[in-house]
């Protein structure tokens, strides 16, 4: 019986050969769980799991509350119901929190098959955060930037972000239009594009007015 069990197990050489074929995306998200299960004592392991879960719950709840507050104050109250009462604001906050929570849950379920959650997170951050960060820096640093310049910069930046995001899906026939940068650079390129285009448009508009 023992011989049959040993025969069913792979040899150390086979395991090493298999491990050599792995790419970082295949084991990146599995390193920490493996270390926790095999190296961390049982009591400390429970504390680590509790800390990770509490940090995740705190981050999720704060993001849901922030998103609901932004929607209520900057969108609903500004464009849909300017004379909204406190009770209506609270109800809108509750509904928006549930909606954003469902959106986040759907996004999490859609990422179940992702090979590397970290790479997926960086890619999504580049898509959604690059534009906001570039626009924020433009408003913070440049005092010449106006609405027209900010809108122009945002449109161009979003186009660049979309191009870099779907660059990998472009067929080989049009390889000359593919982006040669890594997907983690989307947030950097998107931010710089919006910021620099906004600065250029603002400078051009200011020079034209002076002329």
Protein backbone atom coordinates (compact mmCIF):
# COMPACT_ATOMS: atom_id res chain seq x y z
CA UNK A 1 0.00 0.00 0.00
CA UNK A 2 2.75 2.43 0.88
CA UNK A 3 4.55 1.62 -2.37
CA UNK A 4 1.38 2.34 -4.38
CA UNK A 5 0.95 5.69 -2.65
CA UNK A 6 4.55 6.65 -3.35
CA UNK A 7 4.18 5.57 -6.97
CA UNK A 8 1.12 7.79 -7.35
CA UNK A 9 3.03 10.78 -6.10
CA UNK A 10 5.19 12.81 -8.45
CA UNK A 11 8.94 12.75 -7.99
CA UNK A 12 10.82 15.82 -6.85
CA UNK A 13 12.35 16.18 -10.31
CA UNK A 14 8.92 16.15 -11.94
CA UNK A 15 7.71 18.76 -9.47
CA UNK A 16 10.72 20.98 -10.22
CA UNK A 17 10.20 20.60 -13.96
CA UNK A 18 6.55 21.54 -13.60
CA UNK A 19 7.40 24.50 -11.36
CA UNK A 20 9.91 25.75 -13.94
CA UNK A 21 7.11 26.11 -16.48
CA UNK A 22 5.07 28.39 -14.23
CA UNK A 23 4.88 32.08 -14.96
CA UNK A 24 4.52 34.80 -12.28
CA UNK A 25 0.81 35.10 -13.10
CA UNK A 26 0.36 31.40 -12.24
CA UNK A 27 1.69 31.60 -8.68
CA UNK A 28 1.75 35.29 -7.70
CA UNK A 29 -1.53 35.20 -5.75
CA UNK A 30 -0.73 31.82 -4.21
CA UNK A 31 2.56 32.69 -2.49
CA UNK A 32 1.08 34.34 0.60
CA UNK A 33 -1.63 31.68 1.24
CA UNK A 34 0.98 28.92 0.84
CA UNK A 35 3.34 30.65 3.27
CA UNK A 36 0.55 31.18 5.79
CA UNK A 37 -0.60 27.56 5.67
CA UNK A 38 2.83 25.92 5.76
CA UNK A 39 4.97 28.29 7.85
CA UNK A 40 2.73 30.29 10.20
CA UNK A 41 1.59 28.74 13.53
CA UNK A 42 -2.11 28.00 13.93
CA UNK A 43 -2.92 30.75 16.42
CA UNK A 44 -1.04 33.42 14.52
CA UNK A 45 -2.62 32.18 11.29
CA UNK A 46 -6.08 32.93 12.67
CA UNK A 47 -5.02 36.44 13.63
CA UNK A 48 -3.60 37.06 10.15
CA UNK A 49 -6.78 35.84 8.48
CA UNK A 50 -8.89 38.05 10.77
CA UNK A 51 -6.65 41.05 10.03
CA UNK A 52 -6.89 40.50 6.27
CA UNK A 53 -10.67 40.13 6.41
CA UNK A 54 -11.09 43.22 8.61
CA UNK A 55 -8.87 45.29 6.31
CA UNK A 56 -10.85 44.13 3.28
CA UNK A 57 -14.19 44.90 4.95
CA UNK A 58 -12.96 48.34 6.01
CA UNK A 59 -11.75 49.17 2.51
CA UNK A 60 -14.95 47.94 0.87
CA UNK A 61 -17.25 49.79 3.26
CA UNK A 62 -15.32 53.06 2.98
CA UNK A 63 -15.34 52.86 -0.81
CA UNK A 64 -19.07 52.14 -0.88
CA UNK A 65 -19.80 55.07 1.46
CA UNK A 66 -17.53 57.42 -0.49
CA UNK A 67 -19.06 56.45 -3.84
CA UNK A 68 -22.60 56.86 -2.49
CA UNK A 69 -21.75 60.25 -0.97
CA UNK A 70 -20.19 61.52 -4.20
CA UNK A 71 -23.22 60.36 -6.20
CA UNK A 72 -25.68 61.95 -3.76
CA UNK A 73 -23.95 65.31 -3.31
CA UNK A 74 -22.27 65.89 -6.67
CA UNK A 75 -24.75 64.26 -9.05
CA UNK A 76 -28.19 63.70 -7.54
CA UNK A 77 -28.37 66.92 -5.50
CA UNK A 78 -26.70 69.05 -8.15
CA UNK A 79 -28.51 67.88 -11.27
CA UNK A 80 -31.68 66.01 -10.26
CA UNK A 81 -33.07 67.46 -7.02
CA UNK A 82 -31.44 70.65 -5.75
CA UNK A 83 -33.98 71.10 -2.93
CA UNK A 84 -33.61 67.59 -1.56
CA UNK A 85 -34.34 67.22 2.15
CA UNK A 86 -32.12 65.52 4.70
CA UNK A 87 -34.43 62.51 4.84
CA UNK A 88 -34.35 62.14 1.05
CA UNK A 89 -30.55 62.47 1.07
CA UNK A 90 -30.28 59.68 3.63
CA UNK A 91 -32.58 57.44 1.58
CA UNK A 92 -30.59 58.18 -1.56
CA UNK A 93 -27.36 57.37 0.28
CA UNK A 94 -28.76 54.00 1.37
CA UNK A 95 -29.93 53.11 -2.13
CA UNK A 96 -26.68 54.25 -3.75
CA UNK A 97 -24.65 52.25 -1.23
CA UNK A 98 -26.58 49.09 -2.08
CA UNK A 99 -26.19 49.75 -5.83
CA UNK A 100 -22.45 50.34 -5.61
CA UNK A 101 -22.12 47.28 -3.40
CA UNK A 102 -23.86 45.14 -6.03
CA UNK A 103 -21.63 46.60 -8.74
CA UNK A 104 -18.55 45.74 -6.70
CA UNK A 105 -19.89 42.24 -6.01
CA UNK A 106 -20.50 41.70 -9.72
CA UNK A 107 -16.98 42.89 -10.52
CA UNK A 108 -15.56 40.49 -7.93
CA UNK A 109 -17.49 37.55 -9.35
CA UNK A 110 -16.33 38.47 -12.85
CA UNK A 111 -12.70 38.33 -11.68
CA UNK A 112 -12.93 34.77 -10.33
CA UNK A 113 -11.25 33.35 -13.42
CA UNK A 114 -8.45 35.93 -13.46
CA UNK A 115 -4.96 34.43 -13.26
CA UNK A 116 -3.50 37.29 -11.23
CA UNK A 117 -5.73 39.56 -9.18
CA UNK A 118 -2.87 42.02 -8.72
CA UNK A 119 -2.36 42.46 -12.47
CA UNK A 120 -6.11 42.81 -12.95
CA UNK A 121 -6.26 45.39 -10.17
CA UNK A 122 -3.46 47.45 -11.72
CA UNK A 123 -5.16 47.30 -15.09
CA UNK A 124 -8.52 48.41 -13.67
CA UNK A 125 -6.80 51.14 -11.65
CA UNK A 126 -5.16 52.41 -14.82
CA UNK A 127 -8.48 52.51 -16.60
CA UNK A 128 -10.55 54.21 -13.91
CA UNK A 129 -8.02 56.06 -11.74
CA UNK A 130 -5.69 57.41 -14.41
CA UNK A 131 -8.20 59.95 -15.66
CA UNK A 132 -9.23 61.13 -12.21
CA UNK A 133 -5.63 61.52 -11.02
CA UNK A 134 -4.59 63.45 -14.13
CA UNK A 135 -7.60 65.77 -13.85
CA UNK A 136 -6.94 66.29 -10.14
CA UNK A 137 -3.29 67.22 -10.77
CA UNK A 138 -4.33 69.56 -13.57
CA UNK A 139 -6.71 71.46 -11.30
CA UNK A 140 -4.22 71.47 -8.43
CA UNK A 141 -1.13 72.67 -10.29
CA UNK A 142 -2.40 74.75 -13.22
CA UNK A 143 -4.38 77.88 -12.46
CA UNK A 144 -4.83 78.65 -16.14
CA UNK A 145 -6.77 75.48 -16.89
CA UNK A 146 -10.47 76.08 -17.54
CA UNK A 147 -13.42 73.81 -18.18
CA UNK A 148 -12.82 73.61 -21.93
CA UNK A 149 -9.18 72.61 -21.45
CA UNK A 150 -10.06 70.07 -18.78
CA UNK A 151 -12.74 68.49 -20.96
CA UNK A 152 -10.41 68.34 -23.97
CA UNK A 153 -7.63 66.79 -21.88
CA UNK A 154 -10.03 64.25 -20.36
CA UNK A 155 -11.36 63.16 -23.75
CA UNK A 156 -7.86 62.70 -25.17
CA UNK A 157 -6.70 60.92 -22.00
CA UNK A 158 -9.67 58.53 -22.07
CA UNK A 159 -8.96 57.72 -25.72
CA UNK A 160 -5.33 56.94 -24.87
CA UNK A 161 -6.41 54.77 -21.92
CA UNK A 162 -8.90 52.87 -24.09
CA UNK A 163 -6.25 52.35 -26.78
CA UNK A 164 -3.74 50.95 -24.29
CA UNK A 165 -6.38 48.82 -22.57
CA UNK A 166 -7.51 47.03 -25.75
CA UNK A 167 -4.12 47.08 -27.44
CA UNK A 168 -3.53 43.39 -26.71
CA UNK A 169 -6.71 42.39 -28.56
CA UNK A 170 -5.63 44.08 -31.80
CA UNK A 171 -4.87 41.56 -34.54
CA UNK A 172 -1.32 41.05 -35.79
CA UNK A 173 -2.20 42.76 -39.08
CA UNK A 174 -2.37 46.07 -37.23
CA UNK A 175 0.54 45.45 -34.88
CA UNK A 176 1.95 48.88 -35.69
CA UNK A 177 -0.81 50.53 -33.66
CA UNK A 178 -0.30 48.29 -30.63
CA UNK A 179 1.10 49.72 -27.44
CA UNK A 180 4.56 48.44 -26.56
CA UNK A 181 4.14 49.32 -22.88
CA UNK A 182 3.02 47.02 -20.09
CA UNK A 183 -0.59 47.24 -18.95
CA UNK A 184 0.61 48.54 -15.55
CA UNK A 185 1.74 51.69 -17.36
CA UNK A 186 -1.85 52.63 -18.31
CA UNK A 187 -2.33 54.67 -15.14
CA UNK A 188 0.99 56.49 -15.67
CA UNK A 189 0.43 57.27 -19.35
CA UNK A 190 -3.22 58.20 -18.80
CA UNK A 191 -2.38 60.56 -15.96
CA UNK A 192 0.46 62.24 -17.84
CA UNK A 193 -1.64 62.57 -21.00
CA UNK A 194 -4.50 64.36 -19.26
CA UNK A 195 -2.17 66.56 -17.24
CA UNK A 196 0.14 67.56 -20.12
CA UNK A 197 -2.67 68.07 -22.65
CA UNK A 198 -4.51 70.23 -20.12
CA UNK A 199 -1.39 72.33 -19.53
CA UNK A 200 -0.81 72.75 -23.28
CA UNK A 201 -4.44 73.68 -23.98
CA UNK A 202 -4.49 76.12 -21.05
CA UNK A 203 -1.25 77.79 -22.19
CA UNK A 204 -2.47 78.01 -25.76
CA UNK A 205 -5.81 79.52 -24.68
CA UNK A 206 -4.08 82.05 -22.39
CA UNK A 207 -1.65 83.07 -25.16
CA UNK A 208 -4.47 83.46 -27.65
CA UNK A 209 -6.40 85.73 -25.27
CA UNK A 210 -3.33 87.89 -24.66
CA UNK A 211 -2.79 88.15 -28.39
